[in-house]
Amino acid sequence: MGTLALELSGNFDVAVGIWSGIVGAVAMLVVIYGGRAMGMTRMDLLRTLGTMVSPHGSTTSVYAIGAMMHLMMGAAFGLAHAGVITALDPSSTGAAVGLGLVVGLVHGLVVTAAMPMMLTMAHPLVRDGEIERPGVMLTGFGSATPMGVMMAHGVFGLVAAAVYAGAVG
């Protein structure tokens, strides 16, 4: 009978880390746009990301740029999550997934606190008033937005850890 223990220590896999982050980023988009569809937030992540690079681009190009930026960040954070999971070497897939959830929630808290300042200072359409100001802890996009951002990052961490631990462990 096999053991439930993972053998992640020393088995860091870059390709799987990238893939796990991309899968986690897609899962995160499901949470974010599900919240939008239910009226919980007005935040449009892909448009916000896309218009940072192409403020007056076509709708198609703005969303395409936003999607590529989001997936690239997902790949990068997937590598970071894989590194943390590999370094801490949890004893089971469940422990790895729990660790991923915790790391995702911490990341979500940092994003929720820092993103309003970053958007206000760096986003050309926020500065010009064409996109609403994010407000404290992103509440400018709706009072449920902070919790939604936390949940989305938690889902990212959970999914990325599950994919990584399942493939490598």
N, C-alpha and C. Protein backbone atom coordinates (compact mmCIF):
# COMPACT_ATOMS: atom_id res chain seq x y z
N MET A 1 0.85 -1.17 0.00
CA MET A 1 0.00 0.00 0.00
C MET A 1 0.90 1.24 0.00
N GLY A 2 0.56 2.22 -0.84
CA GLY A 2 1.36 3.43 -0.97
C GLY A 2 1.16 4.39 0.20
N THR A 3 2.06 5.33 0.31
CA THR A 3 1.99 6.33 1.36
C THR A 3 1.34 7.60 0.82
N LEU A 4 0.74 8.36 1.71
CA LEU A 4 0.14 9.63 1.31
C LEU A 4 1.15 10.77 1.35
N ALA A 5 2.35 10.50 1.86
CA ALA A 5 3.36 11.54 1.98
C ALA A 5 3.83 11.99 0.60
N LEU A 6 4.02 13.27 0.45
CA LEU A 6 4.57 13.82 -0.78
C LEU A 6 6.08 13.80 -0.71
N GLU A 7 6.69 13.77 -1.84
CA GLU A 7 8.14 13.87 -1.92
C GLU A 7 8.48 15.07 -2.80
N LEU A 8 8.20 16.27 -2.29
CA LEU A 8 8.43 17.48 -3.08
C LEU A 8 9.82 18.07 -2.87
N SER A 9 10.41 17.84 -1.70
CA SER A 9 11.69 18.43 -1.38
C SER A 9 12.73 18.07 -2.45
N GLY A 10 13.30 19.08 -3.05
CA GLY A 10 14.31 18.86 -4.08
C GLY A 10 13.73 18.52 -5.45
N ASN A 11 12.41 18.50 -5.59
CA ASN A 11 11.77 18.14 -6.85
C ASN A 11 11.09 19.33 -7.52
N PHE A 12 11.65 20.51 -7.39
CA PHE A 12 11.04 21.70 -7.98
C PHE A 12 10.97 21.53 -9.50
N ASP A 13 9.78 21.74 -10.06
CA ASP A 13 9.56 21.56 -11.49
C ASP A 13 9.03 22.87 -12.07
N VAL A 14 9.87 23.56 -12.83
CA VAL A 14 9.52 24.88 -13.38
C VAL A 14 8.31 24.79 -14.31
N ALA A 15 8.31 23.84 -15.22
CA ALA A 15 7.22 23.75 -16.19
C ALA A 15 5.88 23.50 -15.49
N VAL A 16 5.87 22.62 -14.51
CA VAL A 16 4.63 22.34 -13.78
C VAL A 16 4.23 23.56 -12.95
N GLY A 17 5.20 24.27 -12.38
CA GLY A 17 4.90 25.50 -11.64
C GLY A 17 4.23 26.54 -12.51
N ILE A 18 4.75 26.71 -13.73
CA ILE A 18 4.15 27.67 -14.67
C ILE A 18 2.74 27.22 -15.04
N TRP A 19 2.59 25.96 -15.39
CA TRP A 19 1.29 25.44 -15.78
C TRP A 19 0.29 25.56 -14.64
N SER A 20 0.71 25.25 -13.42
CA SER A 20 -0.21 25.34 -12.27
C SER A 20 -0.66 26.78 -12.06
N GLY A 21 0.23 27.74 -12.29
CA GLY A 21 -0.15 29.14 -12.16
C GLY A 21 -1.13 29.59 -13.22
N ILE A 22 -0.97 29.10 -14.43
CA ILE A 22 -1.90 29.45 -15.51
C ILE A 22 -3.28 28.86 -15.22
N VAL A 23 -3.32 27.61 -14.79
CA VAL A 23 -4.61 26.99 -14.44
C VAL A 23 -5.24 27.75 -13.27
N GLY A 24 -4.43 28.11 -12.27
CA GLY A 24 -4.94 28.89 -11.13
C GLY A 24 -5.46 30.25 -11.56
N ALA A 25 -4.78 30.89 -12.52
CA ALA A 25 -5.21 32.21 -13.01
C ALA A 25 -6.56 32.11 -13.72
N VAL A 26 -6.77 31.04 -14.47
CA VAL A 26 -8.07 30.85 -15.13
C VAL A 26 -9.16 30.64 -14.08
N ALA A 27 -8.87 29.82 -13.06
CA ALA A 27 -9.84 29.61 -11.98
C ALA A 27 -10.16 30.93 -11.28
N MET A 28 -9.15 31.75 -11.11
CA MET A 28 -9.33 33.05 -10.48
C MET A 28 -10.27 33.94 -11.30
N LEU A 29 -10.13 33.90 -12.61
CA LEU A 29 -11.02 34.68 -13.48
C LEU A 29 -12.47 34.22 -13.35
N VAL A 30 -12.68 32.94 -13.17
CA VAL A 30 -14.05 32.43 -12.98
C VAL A 30 -14.66 33.06 -11.74
N VAL A 31 -13.89 33.15 -10.66
CA VAL A 31 -14.39 33.76 -9.42
C VAL A 31 -14.66 35.25 -9.64
N ILE A 32 -13.71 35.94 -10.25
CA ILE A 32 -13.84 37.40 -10.43
C ILE A 32 -15.03 37.74 -11.32
N TYR A 33 -15.13 37.08 -12.47
CA TYR A 33 -16.22 37.42 -13.38
C TYR A 33 -17.55 36.82 -12.92
N GLY A 34 -17.51 35.78 -12.11
CA GLY A 34 -18.74 35.30 -11.46
C GLY A 34 -19.27 36.34 -10.51
N GLY A 35 -18.37 36.97 -9.75
CA GLY A 35 -18.77 38.05 -8.85
C GLY A 35 -19.34 39.24 -9.60
N ARG A 36 -18.75 39.55 -10.74
CA ARG A 36 -19.29 40.63 -11.59
C ARG A 36 -20.68 40.29 -12.09
N ALA A 37 -20.85 39.05 -12.53
CA ALA A 37 -22.16 38.63 -13.07
C ALA A 37 -23.25 38.68 -12.01
N MET A 38 -22.86 38.44 -10.75
CA MET A 38 -23.83 38.48 -9.64
C MET A 38 -24.01 39.88 -9.06
N GLY A 39 -23.30 40.87 -9.62
CA GLY A 39 -23.43 42.24 -9.14
C GLY A 39 -22.67 42.53 -7.86
N MET A 40 -21.73 41.67 -7.50
CA MET A 40 -20.98 41.86 -6.26
C MET A 40 -19.85 42.87 -6.40
N THR A 41 -19.41 43.12 -7.63
CA THR A 41 -18.32 44.05 -7.88
C THR A 41 -18.49 44.68 -9.26
N ARG A 42 -17.92 45.86 -9.44
CA ARG A 42 -17.87 46.49 -10.75
C ARG A 42 -16.47 46.39 -11.35
N MET A 43 -15.56 45.77 -10.61
CA MET A 43 -14.18 45.65 -11.08
C MET A 43 -14.13 44.75 -12.32
N ASP A 44 -13.48 45.25 -13.36
CA ASP A 44 -13.28 44.49 -14.60
C ASP A 44 -11.78 44.29 -14.75
N LEU A 45 -11.28 43.19 -14.20
CA LEU A 45 -9.83 42.97 -14.10
C LEU A 45 -9.14 43.03 -15.45
N LEU A 46 -9.64 42.32 -16.44
CA LEU A 46 -8.94 42.27 -17.72
C LEU A 46 -8.92 43.63 -18.41
N ARG A 47 -10.01 44.38 -18.32
CA ARG A 47 -10.04 45.72 -18.90
C ARG A 47 -9.07 46.64 -18.16
N THR A 48 -9.05 46.53 -16.83
CA THR A 48 -8.15 47.37 -16.04
C THR A 48 -6.70 47.08 -16.40
N LEU A 49 -6.34 45.81 -16.50
CA LEU A 49 -4.97 45.47 -16.88
C LEU A 49 -4.66 45.92 -18.30
N GLY A 50 -5.56 45.65 -19.24
CA GLY A 50 -5.32 46.00 -20.64
C GLY A 50 -5.20 47.48 -20.88
N THR A 51 -6.00 48.27 -20.19
CA THR A 51 -5.94 49.72 -20.41
C THR A 51 -4.75 50.36 -19.72
N MET A 52 -4.06 49.63 -18.86
CA MET A 52 -2.81 50.17 -18.31
C MET A 52 -1.76 50.28 -19.42
N VAL A 53 -1.80 49.35 -20.38
CA VAL A 53 -0.84 49.31 -21.47
C VAL A 53 -1.36 50.04 -22.70
N SER A 54 -2.64 49.89 -22.96
CA SER A 54 -3.25 50.48 -24.15
C SER A 54 -4.53 51.22 -23.74
N PRO A 55 -4.37 52.43 -23.17
CA PRO A 55 -5.51 53.13 -22.57
C PRO A 55 -6.69 53.38 -23.51
N HIS A 56 -6.41 53.55 -24.78
CA HIS A 56 -7.50 53.86 -25.71
C HIS A 56 -7.55 52.87 -26.87
N GLY A 57 -7.12 51.63 -26.58
CA GLY A 57 -7.15 50.59 -27.59
C GLY A 57 -8.57 50.08 -27.82
N SER A 58 -8.73 49.27 -28.85
CA SER A 58 -10.03 48.66 -29.11
C SER A 58 -10.38 47.71 -27.97
N THR A 59 -11.65 47.42 -27.83
CA THR A 59 -12.10 46.51 -26.79
C THR A 59 -11.40 45.16 -26.91
N THR A 60 -11.30 44.66 -28.12
CA THR A 60 -10.64 43.37 -28.33
C THR A 60 -9.20 43.40 -27.89
N SER A 61 -8.46 44.43 -28.28
CA SER A 61 -7.05 44.48 -27.92
C SER A 61 -6.87 44.70 -26.42
N VAL A 62 -7.71 45.52 -25.83
CA VAL A 62 -7.61 45.76 -24.38
C VAL A 62 -7.82 44.46 -23.61
N TYR A 63 -8.86 43.70 -23.94
CA TYR A 63 -9.12 42.44 -23.23
C TYR A 63 -8.05 41.39 -23.53
N ALA A 64 -7.55 41.36 -24.76
CA ALA A 64 -6.49 40.41 -25.10
C ALA A 64 -5.21 40.72 -24.32
N ILE A 65 -4.85 42.00 -24.25
CA ILE A 65 -3.67 42.41 -23.48
C ILE A 65 -3.89 42.09 -22.01
N GLY A 66 -5.06 42.40 -21.49
CA GLY A 66 -5.36 42.11 -20.09
C GLY A 66 -5.28 40.62 -19.78
N ALA A 67 -5.81 39.79 -20.69
CA ALA A 67 -5.76 38.34 -20.48
C ALA A 67 -4.32 37.84 -20.49
N MET A 68 -3.53 38.34 -21.43
CA MET A 68 -2.12 37.91 -21.49
C MET A 68 -1.37 38.36 -20.23
N MET A 69 -1.61 39.58 -19.78
CA MET A 69 -0.95 40.05 -18.56
C MET A 69 -1.35 39.18 -17.37
N HIS A 70 -2.64 38.88 -17.27
CA HIS A 70 -3.12 38.08 -16.14
C HIS A 70 -2.52 36.67 -16.18
N LEU A 71 -2.48 36.05 -17.35
CA LEU A 71 -1.92 34.70 -17.44
C LEU A 71 -0.42 34.69 -17.19
N MET A 72 0.29 35.73 -17.63
CA MET A 72 1.73 35.80 -17.34
C MET A 72 1.98 35.99 -15.85
N MET A 73 1.18 36.84 -15.21
CA MET A 73 1.32 36.99 -13.75
C MET A 73 0.95 35.69 -13.05
N GLY A 74 -0.06 34.99 -13.56
CA GLY A 74 -0.42 33.69 -13.00
C GLY A 74 0.74 32.71 -13.10
N ALA A 75 1.42 32.68 -14.24
CA ALA A 75 2.57 31.80 -14.41
C ALA A 75 3.67 32.15 -13.41
N ALA A 76 3.94 33.44 -13.25
CA ALA A 76 4.99 33.88 -12.32
C ALA A 76 4.61 33.52 -10.88
N PHE A 77 3.37 33.80 -10.50
CA PHE A 77 2.96 33.47 -9.13
C PHE A 77 2.81 31.96 -8.94
N GLY A 78 2.53 31.23 -10.01
CA GLY A 78 2.53 29.77 -9.93
C GLY A 78 3.91 29.26 -9.58
N LEU A 79 4.94 29.86 -10.17
CA LEU A 79 6.32 29.49 -9.82
C LEU A 79 6.61 29.81 -8.36
N ALA A 80 6.14 30.97 -7.91
CA ALA A 80 6.37 31.35 -6.50
C ALA A 80 5.67 30.37 -5.56
N HIS A 81 4.43 30.04 -5.86
CA HIS A 81 3.69 29.08 -5.03
C HIS A 81 4.39 27.72 -5.04
N ALA A 82 4.83 27.27 -6.23
CA ALA A 82 5.52 25.99 -6.33
C ALA A 82 6.81 26.01 -5.50
N GLY A 83 7.51 27.14 -5.52
CA GLY A 83 8.72 27.27 -4.71
C GLY A 83 8.44 27.16 -3.23
N VAL A 84 7.39 27.83 -2.78
CA VAL A 84 7.02 27.77 -1.35
C VAL A 84 6.63 26.35 -0.97
N ILE A 85 5.81 25.73 -1.81
CA ILE A 85 5.35 24.37 -1.51
C ILE A 85 6.53 23.40 -1.50
N THR A 86 7.42 23.53 -2.47
CA THR A 86 8.58 22.65 -2.53
C THR A 86 9.48 22.86 -1.31
N ALA A 87 9.70 24.13 -0.96
CA ALA A 87 10.59 24.44 0.17
C ALA A 87 10.02 23.93 1.50
N LEU A 88 8.71 24.05 1.69
CA LEU A 88 8.10 23.64 2.96
C LEU A 88 7.77 22.15 2.99
N ASP A 89 7.77 21.49 1.83
CA ASP A 89 7.59 20.05 1.71
C ASP A 89 6.47 19.49 2.58
N PRO A 90 5.22 19.86 2.28
CA PRO A 90 4.11 19.36 3.09
C PRO A 90 4.01 17.84 3.03
N SER A 91 3.37 17.27 4.02
CA SER A 91 3.34 15.81 4.16
C SER A 91 2.31 15.11 3.27
N SER A 92 1.36 15.86 2.71
CA SER A 92 0.33 15.25 1.87
C SER A 92 -0.16 16.27 0.84
N THR A 93 -0.89 15.77 -0.14
CA THR A 93 -1.47 16.66 -1.14
C THR A 93 -2.44 17.63 -0.47
N GLY A 94 -3.21 17.13 0.49
CA GLY A 94 -4.15 18.00 1.22
C GLY A 94 -3.43 19.11 1.96
N ALA A 95 -2.30 18.79 2.57
CA ALA A 95 -1.52 19.82 3.27
C ALA A 95 -0.95 20.82 2.28
N ALA A 96 -0.54 20.35 1.10
CA ALA A 96 -0.03 21.26 0.06
C ALA A 96 -1.12 22.20 -0.41
N VAL A 97 -2.32 21.67 -0.60
CA VAL A 97 -3.45 22.49 -1.05
C VAL A 97 -3.82 23.50 0.04
N GLY A 98 -3.83 23.07 1.29
CA GLY A 98 -4.09 24.00 2.40
C GLY A 98 -3.06 25.10 2.47
N LEU A 99 -1.80 24.74 2.27
CA LEU A 99 -0.73 25.74 2.24
C LEU A 99 -0.93 26.71 1.08
N GLY A 100 -1.30 26.18 -0.08
CA GLY A 100 -1.58 27.04 -1.24
C GLY A 100 -2.71 28.01 -0.96
N LEU A 101 -3.74 27.54 -0.29
CA LEU A 101 -4.87 28.41 0.08
C LEU A 101 -4.41 29.53 0.99
N VAL A 102 -3.61 29.21 1.99
CA VAL A 102 -3.11 30.23 2.93
C VAL A 102 -2.24 31.25 2.20
N VAL A 103 -1.32 30.76 1.36
CA VAL A 103 -0.46 31.68 0.60
C VAL A 103 -1.30 32.57 -0.31
N GLY A 104 -2.32 31.98 -0.96
CA GLY A 104 -3.20 32.76 -1.82
C GLY A 104 -3.96 33.84 -1.05
N LEU A 105 -4.46 33.49 0.14
CA LEU A 105 -5.19 34.47 0.94
C LEU A 105 -4.29 35.61 1.41
N VAL A 106 -3.06 35.29 1.79
CA VAL A 106 -2.10 36.34 2.18
C VAL A 106 -1.81 37.24 0.98
N HIS A 107 -1.61 36.63 -0.17
CA HIS A 107 -1.39 37.42 -1.39
C HIS A 107 -2.60 38.31 -1.68
N GLY A 108 -3.79 37.75 -1.52
CA GLY A 108 -5.01 38.53 -1.74
C GLY A 108 -5.12 39.72 -0.81
N LEU A 109 -4.73 39.54 0.45
CA LEU A 109 -4.76 40.64 1.41
C LEU A 109 -3.79 41.75 0.99
N VAL A 110 -2.59 41.36 0.56
CA VAL A 110 -1.60 42.35 0.11
C VAL A 110 -2.12 43.10 -1.12
N VAL A 111 -2.70 42.37 -2.07
CA VAL A 111 -3.24 43.00 -3.28
C VAL A 111 -4.37 43.96 -2.92
N THR A 112 -5.27 43.52 -2.05
CA THR A 112 -6.41 44.35 -1.66
C THR A 112 -5.95 45.65 -1.00
N ALA A 113 -4.88 45.58 -0.24
CA ALA A 113 -4.37 46.77 0.45
C ALA A 113 -3.55 47.66 -0.48
N ALA A 114 -2.75 47.06 -1.36
CA ALA A 114 -1.80 47.84 -2.17
C ALA A 114 -2.36 48.30 -3.51
N MET A 115 -3.26 47.53 -4.10
CA MET A 115 -3.74 47.84 -5.45
C MET A 115 -4.39 49.22 -5.57
N PRO A 116 -5.18 49.68 -4.60
CA PRO A 116 -5.77 51.02 -4.76
C PRO A 116 -4.71 52.10 -4.96
N MET A 117 -3.64 52.05 -4.19
CA MET A 117 -2.58 53.05 -4.33
C MET A 117 -1.89 52.91 -5.68
N MET A 118 -1.61 51.66 -6.08
CA MET A 118 -0.92 51.44 -7.35
C MET A 118 -1.77 51.91 -8.52
N LEU A 119 -3.07 51.59 -8.52
CA LEU A 119 -3.93 52.02 -9.61
C LEU A 119 -4.06 53.54 -9.65
N THR A 120 -4.23 54.15 -8.49
CA THR A 120 -4.39 55.60 -8.43
C THR A 120 -3.16 56.32 -8.95
N MET A 121 -1.99 55.80 -8.64
CA MET A 121 -0.74 56.44 -9.06
C MET A 121 -0.35 56.10 -10.50
N ALA A 122 -0.60 54.86 -10.96
CA ALA A 122 0.00 54.40 -12.21
C ALA A 122 -0.97 54.23 -13.38
N HIS A 123 -2.25 54.06 -13.12
CA HIS A 123 -3.17 53.78 -14.23
C HIS A 123 -3.62 55.07 -14.88
N PRO A 124 -3.36 55.24 -16.18
CA PRO A 124 -3.70 56.51 -16.84
C PRO A 124 -5.19 56.83 -16.83
N LEU A 125 -6.05 55.83 -16.95
CA LEU A 125 -7.49 56.11 -16.99
C LEU A 125 -8.07 56.36 -15.61
N VAL A 126 -7.45 55.84 -14.57
CA VAL A 126 -7.88 56.17 -13.21
C VAL A 126 -7.50 57.62 -12.91
N ARG A 127 -6.26 57.99 -13.29
CA ARG A 127 -5.82 59.38 -13.07
C ARG A 127 -6.68 60.37 -13.83
N ASP A 128 -7.14 60.00 -15.04
CA ASP A 128 -7.96 60.89 -15.87
C ASP A 128 -9.44 60.83 -15.51
N GLY A 129 -9.83 59.92 -14.63
CA GLY A 129 -11.22 59.80 -14.23
C GLY A 129 -12.09 58.97 -15.17
N GLU A 130 -11.47 58.30 -16.15
CA GLU A 130 -12.24 57.47 -17.07
C GLU A 130 -12.58 56.10 -16.48
N ILE A 131 -11.81 55.67 -15.50
CA ILE A 131 -12.11 54.48 -14.70
C ILE A 131 -12.26 54.97 -13.27
N GLU A 132 -13.29 54.47 -12.58
CA GLU A 132 -13.53 54.94 -11.22
C GLU A 132 -12.35 54.63 -10.32
N ARG A 133 -12.18 55.49 -9.32
CA ARG A 133 -11.10 55.29 -8.34
C ARG A 133 -11.41 54.04 -7.52
N PRO A 134 -10.36 53.26 -7.21
CA PRO A 134 -10.59 52.00 -6.51
C PRO A 134 -11.03 52.15 -5.06
N GLY A 135 -10.74 53.26 -4.42
CA GLY A 135 -11.13 53.45 -3.02
C GLY A 135 -10.29 52.60 -2.08
N VAL A 136 -10.52 52.78 -0.80
CA VAL A 136 -9.79 52.05 0.23
C VAL A 136 -10.11 50.56 0.11
N MET A 137 -9.09 49.73 0.08
CA MET A 137 -9.25 48.27 -0.01
C MET A 137 -10.16 47.87 -1.18
N LEU A 138 -10.13 48.63 -2.26
CA LEU A 138 -10.89 48.37 -3.49
C LEU A 138 -12.40 48.52 -3.34
N THR A 139 -12.86 49.17 -2.28
CA THR A 139 -14.30 49.33 -2.06
C THR A 139 -14.95 50.27 -3.07
N GLY A 140 -14.15 51.03 -3.81
CA GLY A 140 -14.70 51.89 -4.85
C GLY A 140 -15.36 51.10 -5.97
N PHE A 141 -15.03 49.81 -6.08
CA PHE A 141 -15.62 48.94 -7.09
C PHE A 141 -16.82 48.17 -6.53
N GLY A 142 -17.21 48.46 -5.31
CA GLY A 142 -18.32 47.77 -4.67
C GLY A 142 -17.87 47.24 -3.31
N SER A 143 -18.79 47.24 -2.36
CA SER A 143 -18.42 46.86 -0.99
C SER A 143 -18.00 45.40 -0.85
N ALA A 144 -18.42 44.54 -1.77
CA ALA A 144 -18.04 43.13 -1.71
C ALA A 144 -16.73 42.84 -2.44
N THR A 145 -16.16 43.84 -3.10
CA THR A 145 -14.95 43.63 -3.88
C THR A 145 -13.77 43.13 -3.04
N PRO A 146 -13.50 43.70 -1.86
CA PRO A 146 -12.36 43.18 -1.09
C PRO A 146 -12.48 41.68 -0.79
N MET A 147 -13.65 41.24 -0.39
CA MET A 147 -13.83 39.82 -0.10
C MET A 147 -13.70 38.99 -1.37
N GLY A 148 -14.21 39.50 -2.48
CA GLY A 148 -14.09 38.80 -3.75
C GLY A 148 -12.65 38.65 -4.20
N VAL A 149 -11.86 39.71 -4.02
CA VAL A 149 -10.44 39.65 -4.38
C VAL A 149 -9.72 38.63 -3.50
N MET A 150 -10.04 38.64 -2.21
CA MET A 150 -9.44 37.65 -1.30
C MET A 150 -9.83 36.23 -1.73
N MET A 151 -11.11 36.02 -2.01
CA MET A 151 -11.57 34.69 -2.43
C MET A 151 -10.90 34.26 -3.73
N ALA A 152 -10.79 35.17 -4.68
CA ALA A 152 -10.18 34.84 -5.97
C ALA A 152 -8.72 34.42 -5.79
N HIS A 153 -7.99 35.14 -4.95
CA HIS A 153 -6.59 34.77 -4.70
C HIS A 153 -6.49 33.47 -3.91
N GLY A 154 -7.43 33.25 -3.00
CA GLY A 154 -7.47 31.97 -2.29
C GLY A 154 -7.69 30.82 -3.25
N VAL A 155 -8.62 30.99 -4.20
CA VAL A 155 -8.88 29.96 -5.21
C VAL A 155 -7.64 29.75 -6.07
N PHE A 156 -6.96 30.84 -6.43
CA PHE A 156 -5.72 30.69 -7.20
C PHE A 156 -4.75 29.80 -6.45
N GLY A 157 -4.50 30.11 -5.18
CA GLY A 157 -3.55 29.34 -4.39
C GLY A 157 -3.95 27.89 -4.24
N LEU A 158 -5.23 27.67 -4.01
CA LEU A 158 -5.75 26.32 -3.85
C LEU A 158 -5.57 25.50 -5.14
N VAL A 159 -5.98 26.07 -6.27
CA VAL A 159 -5.90 25.37 -7.55
C VAL A 159 -4.44 25.17 -7.97
N ALA A 160 -3.64 26.22 -7.87
CA ALA A 160 -2.23 26.10 -8.27
C ALA A 160 -1.52 25.04 -7.43
N ALA A 161 -1.80 25.00 -6.13
CA ALA A 161 -1.17 24.00 -5.27
C ALA A 161 -1.66 22.60 -5.59
N ALA A 162 -2.94 22.46 -5.87
CA ALA A 162 -3.48 21.14 -6.21
C ALA A 162 -2.87 20.61 -7.50
N VAL A 163 -2.77 21.46 -8.51
CA VAL A 163 -2.18 21.04 -9.78
C VAL A 163 -0.72 20.69 -9.58
N TYR A 164 0.01 21.56 -8.87
CA TYR A 164 1.45 21.32 -8.69
C TYR A 164 1.71 20.06 -7.86
N ALA A 165 1.06 19.94 -6.72
CA ALA A 165 1.29 18.78 -5.86
C ALA A 165 0.83 17.50 -6.54
N GLY A 166 -0.28 17.58 -7.27
CA GLY A 166 -0.77 16.40 -7.98
C GLY A 166 0.18 15.94 -9.06
N ALA A 167 0.83 16.87 -9.74
CA ALA A 167 1.73 16.52 -10.85
C ALA A 167 3.13 16.13 -10.37
N VAL A 168 3.62 16.81 -9.36
CA VAL A 168 5.00 16.61 -8.93
C VAL A 168 5.11 15.63 -7.76
N GLY A 169 4.12 15.69 -6.86
CA GLY A 169 4.17 14.87 -5.63
C GLY A 169 3.95 13.48 -5.86
